[in-house]
Amino acid sequence: MPLLIAVSGFKDGGKTTLALALLQEILSAGLSAGFVKHTGEDVLSPKGTDTGRASALGISAVYWGRDGALLETGTGEISREKILEFFPGKDVVIVEGAKNIPLPRIWVGSPEDLPPDVKGVFAFFDRTGAGGDGNRIFVPGREKELAGQIIEMYEKAEGDQPASLFVKGKRIPLKPFVSGMIAGCLAGLVLPLKGVNSLKGGAEIYLKQRK
């Protein structure tokens, strides 16, 4: 399941610039990532078009062109659950804006500028460069450190699952139920084997399938 992080702030405050810098650092760390851009403008195809008619029925549609593809869904309000549906195999998804969605959040601005109704802020990115306390207030030039906090959050969330699955070196995202089922099945198969005394504290188990 992806870790969702909101990058929020006032209009033209530098949210996109920070989000893209963080995404670059996350990709450099070997993780996969997604990005959600929130805007007040209309983004769906007009109602008379093919994808527009599908969206009007509540059906998600993909508009596929020469330069790429655009996923369209006929809802103006996007929830945390809907974002997770869009990015099922990603490690980290950064959502720009989303002040009203309950997510762990970076506020682009100073603590004094934070509106009282915006919740979940774990870090500030103050472009005035007025200072920084190392762990909570960041300034330009410290994007890599801020991305490091996000990566630590992802690793901690992944570590809470009882099992992780890698296939040919690629990490496969698991829902908590599936992770628990794999851990239980492997323990039942491996623990009775001669030479295996315990799996407490964690264990790496390698499976090699012969042709």
N, C-alpha and C. Protein backbone atom coordinates (compact mmCIF):
# COMPACT_ATOMS: atom_id res chain seq x y z
N MET A 1 0.84 -1.19 0.00
CA MET A 1 0.00 0.00 0.00
C MET A 1 0.88 1.24 0.00
N PRO A 2 0.63 2.19 -0.89
CA PRO A 2 1.48 3.38 -0.94
C PRO A 2 1.38 4.22 0.33
N LEU A 3 2.47 4.89 0.65
CA LEU A 3 2.45 5.92 1.68
C LEU A 3 2.02 7.22 1.01
N LEU A 4 0.95 7.83 1.51
CA LEU A 4 0.45 9.09 0.95
C LEU A 4 0.96 10.25 1.78
N ILE A 5 1.54 11.25 1.13
CA ILE A 5 2.05 12.45 1.78
C ILE A 5 1.46 13.66 1.06
N ALA A 6 0.86 14.57 1.80
CA ALA A 6 0.33 15.80 1.21
C ALA A 6 1.38 16.91 1.32
N VAL A 7 1.49 17.69 0.26
CA VAL A 7 2.30 18.91 0.26
C VAL A 7 1.32 20.07 0.08
N SER A 8 1.06 20.79 1.16
CA SER A 8 0.01 21.80 1.15
C SER A 8 0.59 23.19 1.42
N GLY A 9 -0.19 24.19 1.08
CA GLY A 9 0.24 25.56 1.30
C GLY A 9 -0.67 26.51 0.55
N PHE A 10 -0.35 27.78 0.61
CA PHE A 10 -1.15 28.78 -0.10
C PHE A 10 -0.80 28.79 -1.59
N LYS A 11 -1.68 29.38 -2.40
CA LYS A 11 -1.48 29.44 -3.84
C LYS A 11 -0.18 30.15 -4.19
N ASP A 12 0.53 29.59 -5.18
CA ASP A 12 1.80 30.15 -5.67
C ASP A 12 2.87 30.19 -4.58
N GLY A 13 2.76 29.28 -3.60
CA GLY A 13 3.75 29.25 -2.53
C GLY A 13 4.93 28.34 -2.78
N GLY A 14 4.91 27.60 -3.90
CA GLY A 14 6.03 26.71 -4.21
C GLY A 14 5.76 25.24 -3.93
N LYS A 15 4.48 24.86 -3.87
CA LYS A 15 4.14 23.47 -3.56
C LYS A 15 4.65 22.51 -4.65
N THR A 16 4.42 22.88 -5.91
CA THR A 16 4.81 21.99 -7.00
C THR A 16 6.31 21.81 -7.06
N THR A 17 7.04 22.90 -6.90
CA THR A 17 8.51 22.84 -6.94
C THR A 17 9.03 21.90 -5.86
N LEU A 18 8.49 22.02 -4.65
CA LEU A 18 8.94 21.15 -3.57
C LEU A 18 8.53 19.70 -3.83
N ALA A 19 7.29 19.49 -4.28
CA ALA A 19 6.82 18.13 -4.53
C ALA A 19 7.69 17.43 -5.56
N LEU A 20 8.05 18.10 -6.64
CA LEU A 20 8.87 17.49 -7.67
C LEU A 20 10.29 17.21 -7.17
N ALA A 21 10.82 18.09 -6.33
CA ALA A 21 12.14 17.85 -5.75
C ALA A 21 12.12 16.62 -4.84
N LEU A 22 11.07 16.49 -4.04
CA LEU A 22 10.95 15.34 -3.15
C LEU A 22 10.78 14.05 -3.96
N LEU A 23 9.98 14.10 -5.02
CA LEU A 23 9.78 12.92 -5.87
C LEU A 23 11.10 12.47 -6.49
N GLN A 24 11.91 13.42 -6.92
CA GLN A 24 13.21 13.07 -7.51
C GLN A 24 14.09 12.35 -6.51
N GLU A 25 14.10 12.82 -5.27
CA GLU A 25 14.91 12.18 -4.23
C GLU A 25 14.37 10.79 -3.89
N ILE A 26 13.06 10.65 -3.87
CA ILE A 26 12.44 9.36 -3.57
C ILE A 26 12.78 8.35 -4.67
N LEU A 27 12.74 8.77 -5.94
CA LEU A 27 13.11 7.89 -7.04
C LEU A 27 14.59 7.53 -6.98
N SER A 28 15.43 8.48 -6.60
CA SER A 28 16.86 8.23 -6.50
C SER A 28 17.18 7.20 -5.41
N ALA A 29 16.28 7.10 -4.42
CA ALA A 29 16.47 6.12 -3.34
C ALA A 29 16.01 4.72 -3.75
N GLY A 30 15.52 4.58 -4.98
CA GLY A 30 15.11 3.27 -5.46
C GLY A 30 13.66 2.92 -5.23
N LEU A 31 12.86 3.90 -4.77
CA LEU A 31 11.44 3.66 -4.54
C LEU A 31 10.64 4.12 -5.75
N SER A 32 9.45 3.57 -5.91
CA SER A 32 8.55 4.04 -6.95
C SER A 32 7.64 5.12 -6.36
N ALA A 33 7.11 5.97 -7.21
CA ALA A 33 6.37 7.12 -6.71
C ALA A 33 5.25 7.51 -7.65
N GLY A 34 4.27 8.23 -7.12
CA GLY A 34 3.19 8.80 -7.90
C GLY A 34 2.94 10.23 -7.45
N PHE A 35 2.20 10.97 -8.25
CA PHE A 35 1.97 12.39 -7.98
C PHE A 35 0.54 12.74 -8.31
N VAL A 36 -0.12 13.45 -7.40
CA VAL A 36 -1.47 13.96 -7.63
C VAL A 36 -1.42 15.48 -7.55
N LYS A 37 -1.84 16.14 -8.60
CA LYS A 37 -1.86 17.60 -8.67
C LYS A 37 -3.30 18.08 -8.52
N HIS A 38 -3.57 18.91 -7.54
CA HIS A 38 -4.92 19.44 -7.31
C HIS A 38 -5.01 20.83 -7.92
N THR A 39 -6.07 21.06 -8.66
CA THR A 39 -6.28 22.37 -9.26
C THR A 39 -7.76 22.74 -9.16
N GLY A 40 -8.04 24.02 -9.21
CA GLY A 40 -9.41 24.49 -9.20
C GLY A 40 -10.04 24.52 -10.58
N GLU A 41 -9.26 24.16 -11.61
CA GLU A 41 -9.77 24.18 -12.98
C GLU A 41 -10.42 22.85 -13.34
N ASP A 42 -11.25 22.85 -14.39
CA ASP A 42 -11.81 21.61 -14.93
C ASP A 42 -10.71 20.83 -15.65
N VAL A 43 -10.68 19.52 -15.47
CA VAL A 43 -9.65 18.71 -16.12
C VAL A 43 -10.23 17.58 -16.95
N LEU A 44 -11.50 17.23 -16.76
CA LEU A 44 -12.08 16.13 -17.52
C LEU A 44 -12.46 16.57 -18.93
N SER A 45 -12.53 15.58 -19.83
CA SER A 45 -12.97 15.86 -21.20
C SER A 45 -14.41 16.39 -21.18
N PRO A 46 -14.77 17.23 -22.14
CA PRO A 46 -16.16 17.73 -22.21
C PRO A 46 -17.17 16.59 -22.26
N LYS A 47 -18.38 16.85 -21.78
CA LYS A 47 -19.39 15.80 -21.64
C LYS A 47 -19.74 15.12 -22.96
N GLY A 48 -19.62 15.81 -24.06
CA GLY A 48 -20.00 15.21 -25.33
C GLY A 48 -18.97 14.28 -25.93
N THR A 49 -17.77 14.24 -25.37
CA THR A 49 -16.72 13.38 -25.91
C THR A 49 -16.89 11.95 -25.40
N ASP A 50 -16.14 11.04 -25.98
CA ASP A 50 -16.24 9.63 -25.60
C ASP A 50 -15.90 9.43 -24.12
N THR A 51 -14.75 9.93 -23.69
CA THR A 51 -14.36 9.76 -22.28
C THR A 51 -15.26 10.58 -21.37
N GLY A 52 -15.74 11.70 -21.87
CA GLY A 52 -16.66 12.51 -21.08
C GLY A 52 -17.96 11.77 -20.79
N ARG A 53 -18.48 11.06 -21.77
CA ARG A 53 -19.71 10.29 -21.56
C ARG A 53 -19.48 9.15 -20.58
N ALA A 54 -18.32 8.51 -20.66
CA ALA A 54 -18.00 7.42 -19.72
C ALA A 54 -17.88 7.97 -18.29
N SER A 55 -17.22 9.11 -18.14
CA SER A 55 -17.06 9.71 -16.81
C SER A 55 -18.41 10.09 -16.22
N ALA A 56 -19.34 10.55 -17.08
CA ALA A 56 -20.67 10.94 -16.61
C ALA A 56 -21.44 9.74 -16.04
N LEU A 57 -21.08 8.54 -16.47
CA LEU A 57 -21.71 7.32 -15.95
C LEU A 57 -21.06 6.83 -14.66
N GLY A 58 -20.02 7.54 -14.22
CA GLY A 58 -19.30 7.12 -13.03
C GLY A 58 -18.25 6.08 -13.31
N ILE A 59 -17.89 5.91 -14.59
CA ILE A 59 -16.90 4.93 -14.99
C ILE A 59 -15.56 5.63 -15.22
N SER A 60 -14.50 5.10 -14.63
CA SER A 60 -13.17 5.65 -14.88
C SER A 60 -12.78 5.36 -16.33
N ALA A 61 -12.19 6.34 -16.99
CA ALA A 61 -11.81 6.20 -18.39
C ALA A 61 -10.36 6.64 -18.57
N VAL A 62 -9.67 6.01 -19.50
CA VAL A 62 -8.30 6.40 -19.84
C VAL A 62 -8.31 7.03 -21.22
N TYR A 63 -7.81 8.27 -21.31
CA TYR A 63 -7.69 8.96 -22.59
C TYR A 63 -6.25 8.74 -23.07
N TRP A 64 -6.12 7.95 -24.14
CA TRP A 64 -4.80 7.48 -24.59
C TRP A 64 -4.42 8.19 -25.88
N GLY A 65 -3.29 8.87 -25.85
CA GLY A 65 -2.83 9.58 -27.03
C GLY A 65 -1.39 9.25 -27.36
N ARG A 66 -0.83 9.96 -28.32
CA ARG A 66 0.53 9.68 -28.77
C ARG A 66 1.57 9.95 -27.70
N ASP A 67 1.27 10.91 -26.81
CA ASP A 67 2.27 11.32 -25.82
C ASP A 67 2.07 10.67 -24.46
N GLY A 68 1.04 9.86 -24.30
CA GLY A 68 0.81 9.24 -22.99
C GLY A 68 -0.67 8.98 -22.77
N ALA A 69 -1.04 8.79 -21.52
CA ALA A 69 -2.43 8.48 -21.18
C ALA A 69 -2.85 9.26 -19.95
N LEU A 70 -4.13 9.62 -19.90
CA LEU A 70 -4.68 10.39 -18.79
C LEU A 70 -5.88 9.63 -18.21
N LEU A 71 -5.84 9.34 -16.91
CA LEU A 71 -6.94 8.66 -16.25
C LEU A 71 -7.98 9.69 -15.82
N GLU A 72 -9.24 9.48 -16.22
CA GLU A 72 -10.32 10.38 -15.86
C GLU A 72 -11.35 9.63 -15.03
N THR A 73 -11.79 10.23 -13.95
CA THR A 73 -12.84 9.64 -13.12
C THR A 73 -13.86 10.72 -12.81
N GLY A 74 -15.13 10.38 -12.91
CA GLY A 74 -16.19 11.38 -12.80
C GLY A 74 -16.54 11.77 -11.38
N THR A 75 -15.58 12.26 -10.65
CA THR A 75 -15.85 12.75 -9.29
C THR A 75 -14.99 13.97 -9.03
N GLY A 76 -15.59 15.00 -8.49
CA GLY A 76 -14.85 16.21 -8.20
C GLY A 76 -14.08 16.15 -6.90
N GLU A 77 -14.54 15.32 -5.98
CA GLU A 77 -13.85 15.18 -4.70
C GLU A 77 -13.15 13.84 -4.65
N ILE A 78 -11.88 13.86 -4.34
CA ILE A 78 -11.09 12.62 -4.29
C ILE A 78 -10.74 12.32 -2.84
N SER A 79 -11.01 11.10 -2.43
CA SER A 79 -10.73 10.67 -1.07
C SER A 79 -9.38 9.96 -1.02
N ARG A 80 -8.94 9.70 0.19
CA ARG A 80 -7.71 8.92 0.39
C ARG A 80 -7.84 7.56 -0.28
N GLU A 81 -9.00 6.93 -0.16
CA GLU A 81 -9.21 5.60 -0.73
C GLU A 81 -9.12 5.63 -2.25
N LYS A 82 -9.66 6.68 -2.87
CA LYS A 82 -9.61 6.79 -4.33
C LYS A 82 -8.17 6.97 -4.81
N ILE A 83 -7.38 7.75 -4.09
CA ILE A 83 -5.98 7.94 -4.46
C ILE A 83 -5.25 6.60 -4.42
N LEU A 84 -5.53 5.80 -3.39
CA LEU A 84 -4.89 4.49 -3.29
C LEU A 84 -5.26 3.60 -4.47
N GLU A 85 -6.49 3.73 -4.98
CA GLU A 85 -6.91 2.96 -6.15
C GLU A 85 -6.11 3.35 -7.38
N PHE A 86 -5.76 4.62 -7.50
CA PHE A 86 -5.02 5.08 -8.66
C PHE A 86 -3.58 4.56 -8.70
N PHE A 87 -3.00 4.31 -7.53
CA PHE A 87 -1.58 3.96 -7.46
C PHE A 87 -1.37 2.67 -6.65
N PRO A 88 -1.92 1.55 -7.10
CA PRO A 88 -1.86 0.32 -6.28
C PRO A 88 -0.46 -0.24 -6.10
N GLY A 89 0.46 0.00 -7.02
CA GLY A 89 1.77 -0.63 -6.91
C GLY A 89 2.89 0.32 -6.56
N LYS A 90 2.59 1.56 -6.18
CA LYS A 90 3.63 2.53 -5.89
C LYS A 90 4.01 2.50 -4.41
N ASP A 91 5.22 2.98 -4.12
CA ASP A 91 5.70 3.03 -2.74
C ASP A 91 5.25 4.31 -2.04
N VAL A 92 5.43 5.45 -2.70
CA VAL A 92 5.10 6.75 -2.11
C VAL A 92 4.32 7.57 -3.13
N VAL A 93 3.24 8.20 -2.69
CA VAL A 93 2.47 9.10 -3.56
C VAL A 93 2.40 10.46 -2.88
N ILE A 94 2.81 11.49 -3.59
CA ILE A 94 2.73 12.85 -3.06
C ILE A 94 1.51 13.54 -3.68
N VAL A 95 0.68 14.09 -2.81
CA VAL A 95 -0.54 14.76 -3.22
C VAL A 95 -0.37 16.25 -2.98
N GLU A 96 -0.38 17.03 -4.05
CA GLU A 96 -0.23 18.47 -3.88
C GLU A 96 -1.58 19.09 -3.52
N GLY A 97 -1.60 19.87 -2.45
CA GLY A 97 -2.84 20.49 -1.99
C GLY A 97 -3.49 19.60 -0.95
N ALA A 98 -4.76 19.24 -1.18
CA ALA A 98 -5.48 18.28 -0.33
C ALA A 98 -5.50 18.68 1.14
N LYS A 99 -5.75 19.95 1.40
CA LYS A 99 -5.75 20.42 2.80
C LYS A 99 -6.84 19.76 3.63
N ASN A 100 -7.92 19.30 2.96
CA ASN A 100 -9.05 18.75 3.71
C ASN A 100 -9.03 17.22 3.81
N ILE A 101 -8.04 16.57 3.20
CA ILE A 101 -7.93 15.12 3.29
C ILE A 101 -7.01 14.77 4.45
N PRO A 102 -7.41 13.87 5.35
CA PRO A 102 -6.55 13.52 6.49
C PRO A 102 -5.34 12.70 6.05
N LEU A 103 -4.20 13.38 5.90
CA LEU A 103 -2.96 12.75 5.47
C LEU A 103 -1.80 13.34 6.26
N PRO A 104 -0.70 12.60 6.41
CA PRO A 104 0.51 13.24 6.93
C PRO A 104 0.93 14.32 5.93
N ARG A 105 1.35 15.48 6.46
CA ARG A 105 1.41 16.66 5.61
C ARG A 105 2.68 17.49 5.83
N ILE A 106 3.18 18.03 4.72
CA ILE A 106 4.23 19.05 4.76
C ILE A 106 3.57 20.37 4.42
N TRP A 107 3.75 21.37 5.27
CA TRP A 107 3.18 22.69 5.00
C TRP A 107 4.26 23.58 4.40
N VAL A 108 4.00 24.10 3.20
CA VAL A 108 4.95 25.00 2.53
C VAL A 108 4.67 26.40 3.06
N GLY A 109 5.44 26.79 4.04
CA GLY A 109 5.26 28.06 4.71
C GLY A 109 5.77 27.95 6.14
N SER A 110 5.66 29.01 6.88
CA SER A 110 6.14 29.00 8.26
C SER A 110 5.06 28.47 9.19
N PRO A 111 5.42 28.01 10.39
CA PRO A 111 4.41 27.56 11.35
C PRO A 111 3.39 28.65 11.69
N GLU A 112 3.82 29.90 11.66
CA GLU A 112 2.92 31.00 11.98
C GLU A 112 1.83 31.17 10.92
N ASP A 113 2.09 30.71 9.70
CA ASP A 113 1.12 30.87 8.61
C ASP A 113 0.14 29.71 8.53
N LEU A 114 0.31 28.68 9.33
CA LEU A 114 -0.52 27.49 9.23
C LEU A 114 -1.95 27.79 9.69
N PRO A 115 -2.96 27.60 8.84
CA PRO A 115 -4.35 27.80 9.26
C PRO A 115 -4.73 26.79 10.35
N PRO A 116 -5.55 27.18 11.29
CA PRO A 116 -5.88 26.28 12.41
C PRO A 116 -6.63 25.03 12.00
N ASP A 117 -7.29 25.05 10.84
CA ASP A 117 -8.06 23.87 10.42
C ASP A 117 -7.26 22.88 9.59
N VAL A 118 -5.99 23.15 9.33
CA VAL A 118 -5.14 22.22 8.57
C VAL A 118 -4.42 21.31 9.56
N LYS A 119 -4.67 20.01 9.44
CA LYS A 119 -4.16 19.04 10.40
C LYS A 119 -3.12 18.12 9.77
N GLY A 120 -2.41 17.39 10.62
CA GLY A 120 -1.50 16.34 10.16
C GLY A 120 -0.12 16.80 9.75
N VAL A 121 0.25 18.05 10.05
CA VAL A 121 1.54 18.58 9.60
C VAL A 121 2.67 17.98 10.45
N PHE A 122 3.62 17.32 9.78
CA PHE A 122 4.79 16.79 10.47
C PHE A 122 6.06 17.55 10.12
N ALA A 123 6.00 18.44 9.11
CA ALA A 123 7.17 19.23 8.74
C ALA A 123 6.73 20.50 8.03
N PHE A 124 7.55 21.54 8.15
CA PHE A 124 7.33 22.80 7.45
C PHE A 124 8.49 23.04 6.49
N PHE A 125 8.17 23.62 5.31
CA PHE A 125 9.20 24.01 4.37
C PHE A 125 9.07 25.51 4.16
N ASP A 126 9.94 26.27 4.81
CA ASP A 126 9.85 27.72 4.84
C ASP A 126 10.77 28.32 3.79
N ARG A 127 10.21 28.81 2.71
CA ARG A 127 11.01 29.34 1.60
C ARG A 127 11.67 30.67 1.94
N THR A 128 11.29 31.31 3.03
CA THR A 128 11.95 32.55 3.41
C THR A 128 13.36 32.29 3.90
N GLY A 129 13.65 31.03 4.22
CA GLY A 129 14.99 30.69 4.70
C GLY A 129 15.31 31.29 6.04
N ALA A 130 14.26 31.53 6.85
CA ALA A 130 14.47 32.20 8.13
C ALA A 130 15.19 31.33 9.15
N GLY A 131 15.21 30.03 8.92
CA GLY A 131 15.88 29.14 9.87
C GLY A 131 15.38 27.74 9.72
N GLY A 132 15.64 26.93 10.71
CA GLY A 132 15.23 25.53 10.68
C GLY A 132 15.70 24.85 11.95
N ASP A 133 14.89 23.93 12.43
CA ASP A 133 15.25 23.27 13.68
C ASP A 133 15.79 21.86 13.47
N GLY A 134 16.07 21.50 12.22
CA GLY A 134 16.68 20.21 11.95
C GLY A 134 15.70 19.11 11.65
N ASN A 135 14.64 18.96 12.42
CA ASN A 135 13.73 17.84 12.24
C ASN A 135 12.33 18.23 11.79
N ARG A 136 11.97 19.49 11.98
CA ARG A 136 10.58 19.88 11.70
C ARG A 136 10.48 21.06 10.74
N ILE A 137 11.39 21.99 10.79
CA ILE A 137 11.35 23.15 9.91
C ILE A 137 12.52 23.07 8.94
N PHE A 138 12.21 23.03 7.64
CA PHE A 138 13.22 22.90 6.61
C PHE A 138 13.22 24.14 5.72
N VAL A 139 14.36 24.39 5.10
CA VAL A 139 14.52 25.56 4.23
C VAL A 139 15.09 25.07 2.90
N PRO A 140 15.04 25.90 1.84
CA PRO A 140 15.61 25.51 0.55
C PRO A 140 17.06 25.05 0.70
N GLY A 141 17.38 23.98 0.00
CA GLY A 141 18.69 23.35 0.12
C GLY A 141 18.67 22.10 0.99
N ARG A 142 17.56 21.90 1.71
CA ARG A 142 17.45 20.74 2.58
C ARG A 142 16.34 19.78 2.11
N GLU A 143 16.04 19.83 0.81
CA GLU A 143 15.01 18.95 0.27
C GLU A 143 15.38 17.48 0.44
N LYS A 144 16.66 17.15 0.28
CA LYS A 144 17.10 15.76 0.42
C LYS A 144 16.84 15.24 1.83
N GLU A 145 17.07 16.07 2.84
CA GLU A 145 16.81 15.65 4.22
C GLU A 145 15.32 15.45 4.47
N LEU A 146 14.51 16.33 3.89
CA LEU A 146 13.07 16.20 4.06
C LEU A 146 12.57 14.92 3.37
N ALA A 147 13.10 14.65 2.18
CA ALA A 147 12.74 13.41 1.49
C ALA A 147 13.17 12.20 2.32
N GLY A 148 14.30 12.33 3.03
CA GLY A 148 14.76 11.24 3.89
C GLY A 148 13.76 10.93 4.98
N GLN A 149 13.10 11.94 5.51
CA GLN A 149 12.06 11.70 6.51
C GLN A 149 10.90 10.90 5.91
N ILE A 150 10.53 11.24 4.69
CA ILE A 150 9.44 10.52 4.02
C ILE A 150 9.84 9.06 3.81
N ILE A 151 11.06 8.84 3.37
CA ILE A 151 11.54 7.47 3.14
C ILE A 151 11.55 6.68 4.44
N GLU A 152 11.95 7.31 5.54
CA GLU A 152 11.92 6.64 6.85
C GLU A 152 10.50 6.27 7.24
N MET A 153 9.54 7.16 6.96
CA MET A 153 8.14 6.87 7.26
C MET A 153 7.66 5.67 6.45
N TYR A 154 8.07 5.62 5.18
CA TYR A 154 7.68 4.49 4.33
C TYR A 154 8.28 3.19 4.86
N GLU A 155 9.56 3.22 5.20
CA GLU A 155 10.23 2.01 5.68
C GLU A 155 9.62 1.52 6.99
N LYS A 156 9.24 2.45 7.86
CA LYS A 156 8.61 2.06 9.12
C LYS A 156 7.25 1.42 8.87
N ALA A 157 6.47 2.02 7.94
CA ALA A 157 5.16 1.45 7.63
C ALA A 157 5.30 0.07 7.02
N GLU A 158 6.30 -0.12 6.16
CA GLU A 158 6.51 -1.43 5.56
C GLU A 158 6.99 -2.44 6.60
N GLY A 159 7.79 -1.93 7.57
CA GLY A 159 8.32 -2.82 8.60
C GLY A 159 7.26 -3.33 9.55
N ASP A 160 6.12 -2.65 9.62
CA ASP A 160 5.04 -3.10 10.50
C ASP A 160 4.32 -4.32 9.94
N GLN A 161 4.52 -4.63 8.65
CA GLN A 161 3.88 -5.80 8.08
C GLN A 161 4.66 -7.06 8.44
N PRO A 162 3.97 -8.17 8.66
CA PRO A 162 4.66 -9.39 9.08
C PRO A 162 5.53 -10.01 8.00
N ALA A 163 5.29 -9.70 6.72
CA ALA A 163 6.10 -10.28 5.65
C ALA A 163 6.22 -9.30 4.50
N SER A 164 7.37 -9.32 3.84
CA SER A 164 7.59 -8.56 2.61
C SER A 164 7.95 -9.55 1.52
N LEU A 165 7.52 -9.26 0.29
CA LEU A 165 7.73 -10.17 -0.82
C LEU A 165 8.54 -9.50 -1.92
N PHE A 166 9.62 -10.17 -2.34
CA PHE A 166 10.43 -9.71 -3.45
C PHE A 166 10.44 -10.80 -4.52
N VAL A 167 10.18 -10.44 -5.77
CA VAL A 167 10.24 -11.38 -6.88
C VAL A 167 11.26 -10.86 -7.89
N LYS A 168 12.35 -11.60 -8.05
CA LYS A 168 13.45 -11.20 -8.93
C LYS A 168 13.96 -9.80 -8.58
N GLY A 169 14.06 -9.54 -7.28
CA GLY A 169 14.61 -8.28 -6.79
C GLY A 169 13.63 -7.14 -6.73
N LYS A 170 12.40 -7.33 -7.23
CA LYS A 170 11.41 -6.27 -7.21
C LYS A 170 10.46 -6.47 -6.04
N ARG A 171 10.27 -5.44 -5.25
CA ARG A 171 9.36 -5.53 -4.12
C ARG A 171 7.92 -5.53 -4.62
N ILE A 172 7.15 -6.51 -4.14
CA ILE A 172 5.75 -6.64 -4.52
C ILE A 172 4.88 -6.06 -3.40
N PRO A 173 4.04 -5.05 -3.69
CA PRO A 173 3.19 -4.47 -2.64
C PRO A 173 2.17 -5.48 -2.15
N LEU A 174 2.01 -5.55 -0.83
CA LEU A 174 1.09 -6.50 -0.21
C LEU A 174 0.10 -5.78 0.69
N LYS A 175 -1.15 -6.19 0.66
CA LYS A 175 -2.10 -5.73 1.64
C LYS A 175 -1.82 -6.43 2.97
N PRO A 176 -2.17 -5.81 4.10
CA PRO A 176 -1.87 -6.41 5.40
C PRO A 176 -2.36 -7.84 5.54
N PHE A 177 -3.56 -8.13 5.02
CA PHE A 177 -4.09 -9.49 5.13
C PHE A 177 -3.21 -10.49 4.38
N VAL A 178 -2.81 -10.12 3.15
CA VAL A 178 -1.98 -11.01 2.34
C VAL A 178 -0.61 -11.19 2.98
N SER A 179 -0.05 -10.09 3.51
CA SER A 179 1.24 -10.17 4.19
C SER A 179 1.18 -11.13 5.37
N GLY A 180 0.13 -11.03 6.17
CA GLY A 180 -0.03 -11.92 7.30
C GLY A 180 -0.21 -13.36 6.89
N MET A 181 -0.95 -13.59 5.78
CA MET A 181 -1.19 -14.94 5.30
C MET A 181 0.11 -15.58 4.82
N ILE A 182 0.94 -14.82 4.09
CA ILE A 182 2.22 -15.34 3.62
C ILE A 182 3.12 -15.68 4.80
N ALA A 183 3.17 -14.77 5.78
CA ALA A 183 4.01 -15.02 6.95
C ALA A 183 3.57 -16.29 7.68
N GLY A 184 2.27 -16.46 7.85
CA GLY A 184 1.77 -17.64 8.54
C GLY A 184 2.04 -18.93 7.79
N CYS A 185 1.83 -18.90 6.47
CA CYS A 185 2.07 -20.10 5.66
C CYS A 185 3.54 -20.50 5.65
N LEU A 186 4.42 -19.51 5.48
CA LEU A 186 5.85 -19.81 5.47
C LEU A 186 6.32 -20.36 6.82
N ALA A 187 5.82 -19.75 7.91
CA ALA A 187 6.20 -20.24 9.24
C ALA A 187 5.75 -21.68 9.42
N GLY A 188 4.54 -22.01 8.94
CA GLY A 188 4.04 -23.37 9.08
C GLY A 188 4.83 -24.37 8.28
N LEU A 189 5.38 -23.94 7.13
CA LEU A 189 6.16 -24.84 6.29
C LEU A 189 7.62 -24.96 6.72
N VAL A 190 8.18 -23.86 7.20
CA VAL A 190 9.63 -23.82 7.46
C VAL A 190 9.99 -24.26 8.87
N LEU A 191 9.21 -23.85 9.87
CA LEU A 191 9.57 -24.15 11.26
C LEU A 191 9.72 -25.65 11.55
N PRO A 192 8.91 -26.54 10.96
CA PRO A 192 9.09 -27.97 11.26
C PRO A 192 10.34 -28.59 10.65
N LEU A 193 11.02 -27.86 9.74
CA LEU A 193 12.18 -28.43 9.07
C LEU A 193 13.38 -28.54 10.01
N LYS A 194 14.16 -29.58 9.80
CA LYS A 194 15.36 -29.80 10.59
C LYS A 194 16.35 -28.66 10.37
N GLY A 195 16.87 -28.13 11.43
CA GLY A 195 17.84 -27.05 11.35
C GLY A 195 17.24 -25.67 11.50
N VAL A 196 15.91 -25.57 11.52
CA VAL A 196 15.24 -24.28 11.73
C VAL A 196 14.71 -24.25 13.15
N ASN A 197 15.30 -23.43 13.98
CA ASN A 197 14.91 -23.38 15.38
C ASN A 197 13.88 -22.30 15.68
N SER A 198 13.97 -21.17 14.98
CA SER A 198 13.08 -20.07 15.28
C SER A 198 13.10 -19.06 14.14
N LEU A 199 11.98 -18.35 13.98
CA LEU A 199 11.91 -17.24 13.03
C LEU A 199 11.71 -15.91 13.74
N LYS A 200 11.84 -15.94 15.07
CA LYS A 200 11.65 -14.72 15.85
C LYS A 200 12.72 -13.69 15.51
N GLY A 201 12.30 -12.41 15.47
CA GLY A 201 13.24 -11.35 15.14
C GLY A 201 13.35 -11.09 13.65
N GLY A 202 12.66 -11.92 12.85
CA GLY A 202 12.68 -11.73 11.41
C GLY A 202 13.65 -12.68 10.73
N ALA A 203 13.34 -13.04 9.50
CA ALA A 203 14.19 -13.94 8.73
C ALA A 203 13.98 -13.68 7.25
N GLU A 204 15.06 -13.81 6.46
CA GLU A 204 14.97 -13.71 5.01
C GLU A 204 14.93 -15.13 4.46
N ILE A 205 13.89 -15.44 3.70
CA ILE A 205 13.70 -16.76 3.14
C ILE A 205 13.75 -16.64 1.61
N TYR A 206 14.65 -17.38 0.98
CA TYR A 206 14.80 -17.34 -0.47
C TYR A 206 14.22 -18.59 -1.10
N LEU A 207 13.41 -18.42 -2.13
CA LEU A 207 12.82 -19.54 -2.86
C LEU A 207 13.33 -19.50 -4.29
N LYS A 208 13.85 -20.62 -4.78
CA LYS A 208 14.32 -20.71 -6.15
C LYS A 208 13.54 -21.79 -6.86
N GLN A 209 12.85 -21.39 -7.91
CA GLN A 209 12.04 -22.33 -8.67
C GLN A 209 12.84 -22.84 -9.86
N ARG A 210 12.94 -24.14 -9.99
CA ARG A 210 13.63 -24.73 -11.12
C ARG A 210 12.70 -24.84 -12.32
N LYS A 211 13.25 -24.77 -13.48
CA LYS A 211 12.46 -24.85 -14.70
C LYS A 211 11.94 -26.27 -14.88
